[in-house]
Amino acid sequence: MSVFAVEYVYSPDQNAVRDEHRPAHREWLGTLVEQGRVLTSGPFADGTGALLIFTADTENDLHSLVSQDPFARAGVISAVKTTEWKPVMGAFVHLV
C-alpha cells in the first residue's frame, strides 16, 4: 500500500456546481476515511483547490478511485495532480 498526495485544482466559474455536489463529495470522502483509503482532506483556504491524502495499491488504482469522486463526475475539478508520498515523521509515518 502506498500513500499519495492528490491536489485538485478548481475553477472559480464552477463554484455553484461544486456547492451543489459538495454533500455527495463529502459523503464519498467520509466512506473512504472509514475504509482507511483517505487519510485526510480539505480545501485550500483561498478556494483554488484541495489537498487529499489517499492510500492505494498503485497509481492506477488511485486514478480509478478519484474518478468516482462526485466532483469528478460533475466535471468541477479543473486538474488533478497525484504524487506518491513517503511520510517520514508524524501521523502517517506508520503507513510506509
Protein backbone atom coordinates (compact mmCIF):
# COMPACT_ATOMS: atom_id res chain seq x y z
CA MET A 1 0.00 0.00 0.00
CA SER A 2 1.33 3.43 -0.97
CA VAL A 3 0.41 6.92 0.19
CA PHE A 4 -0.45 9.56 -2.41
CA ALA A 5 -0.87 13.31 -2.20
CA VAL A 6 -3.63 14.39 -4.56
CA GLU A 7 -4.13 18.03 -5.48
CA TYR A 8 -7.39 19.17 -7.00
CA VAL A 9 -7.48 22.47 -8.89
CA TYR A 10 -10.82 24.27 -9.00
CA SER A 11 -12.03 26.86 -11.47
CA PRO A 12 -13.88 29.79 -9.86
CA ASP A 13 -16.58 29.65 -12.53
CA GLN A 14 -17.62 26.22 -11.18
CA ASN A 15 -18.29 27.34 -7.57
CA ALA A 16 -22.08 26.95 -7.77
CA VAL A 17 -21.87 23.46 -9.27
CA ARG A 18 -19.28 22.44 -6.65
CA ASP A 19 -21.55 23.75 -3.90
CA GLU A 20 -24.37 21.62 -5.32
CA HIS A 21 -22.25 18.45 -5.30
CA ARG A 22 -20.30 19.11 -2.07
CA PRO A 23 -22.60 16.99 0.19
CA ALA A 24 -22.15 13.93 -2.07
CA HIS A 25 -18.41 14.63 -2.36
CA ARG A 26 -18.02 14.75 1.43
CA GLU A 27 -20.16 11.64 1.91
CA TRP A 28 -17.93 9.81 -0.59
CA LEU A 29 -14.81 11.02 1.24
CA GLY A 30 -16.29 10.02 4.62
CA THR A 31 -16.83 6.48 3.39
CA LEU A 32 -13.23 6.34 2.19
CA VAL A 33 -11.99 7.67 5.54
CA GLU A 34 -13.86 4.82 7.28
CA GLN A 35 -12.18 2.35 4.89
CA GLY A 36 -8.73 3.85 5.53
CA ARG A 37 -8.41 4.94 1.88
CA VAL A 38 -8.48 8.69 2.66
CA LEU A 39 -6.22 9.79 5.50
CA THR A 40 -7.15 13.47 5.41
CA SER A 41 -8.52 16.06 3.03
CA GLY A 42 -9.52 19.66 2.86
CA PRO A 43 -9.82 22.70 0.62
CA PHE A 44 -7.15 25.34 0.27
CA ALA A 45 -8.06 28.49 2.20
CA ASP A 46 -8.11 30.56 -0.99
CA GLY A 47 -10.67 28.27 -2.65
CA THR A 48 -8.45 27.36 -5.60
CA GLY A 49 -8.41 23.64 -4.89
CA ALA A 50 -7.90 20.96 -2.29
CA LEU A 51 -5.32 18.53 -0.92
CA LEU A 52 -6.30 14.93 -0.27
CA ILE A 53 -4.07 12.18 1.11
CA PHE A 54 -5.02 8.70 -0.11
CA THR A 55 -3.75 5.17 0.29
CA ALA A 56 -3.81 2.94 -2.78
CA ASP A 57 -2.06 -0.15 -4.09
CA THR A 58 -0.98 1.56 -7.32
CA GLU A 59 -1.32 4.92 -9.01
CA ASN A 60 -3.74 3.32 -11.49
CA ASP A 61 -5.94 2.21 -8.57
CA LEU A 62 -5.77 5.75 -7.22
CA HIS A 63 -6.84 7.26 -10.54
CA SER A 64 -9.74 4.82 -10.74
CA LEU A 65 -10.82 5.78 -7.23
CA VAL A 66 -10.52 9.54 -7.80
CA SER A 67 -12.62 9.24 -10.96
CA GLN A 68 -15.50 8.11 -8.73
CA ASP A 69 -15.50 11.37 -6.75
CA PRO A 70 -18.84 13.17 -7.24
CA PHE A 71 -16.81 16.31 -8.02
CA ALA A 72 -15.03 14.44 -10.85
CA ARG A 73 -18.30 13.04 -12.17
CA ALA A 74 -19.81 16.55 -12.15
CA GLY A 75 -16.78 17.91 -14.03
CA VAL A 76 -15.87 20.54 -11.43
CA ILE A 77 -12.21 19.60 -11.00
CA SER A 78 -10.08 21.53 -13.49
CA ALA A 79 -6.91 19.48 -12.90
CA VAL A 80 -5.63 16.67 -10.70
CA LYS A 81 -2.02 16.15 -9.70
CA THR A 82 -1.07 12.89 -7.98
CA THR A 83 2.27 12.24 -6.34
CA GLU A 84 3.36 9.19 -4.37
CA TRP A 85 4.36 10.45 -0.94
CA LYS A 86 6.63 8.87 1.67
CA PRO A 87 5.93 10.37 5.10
CA VAL A 88 8.95 10.15 7.40
CA MET A 89 7.53 11.88 10.51
CA GLY A 90 4.16 12.48 12.05
CA ALA A 91 0.76 10.87 11.93
CA PHE A 92 1.16 8.87 8.72
CA VAL A 93 4.71 7.52 9.08
CA HIS A 94 3.39 4.09 10.13
CA LEU A 95 1.94 3.62 6.64
CA VAL A 96 5.29 3.26 4.88
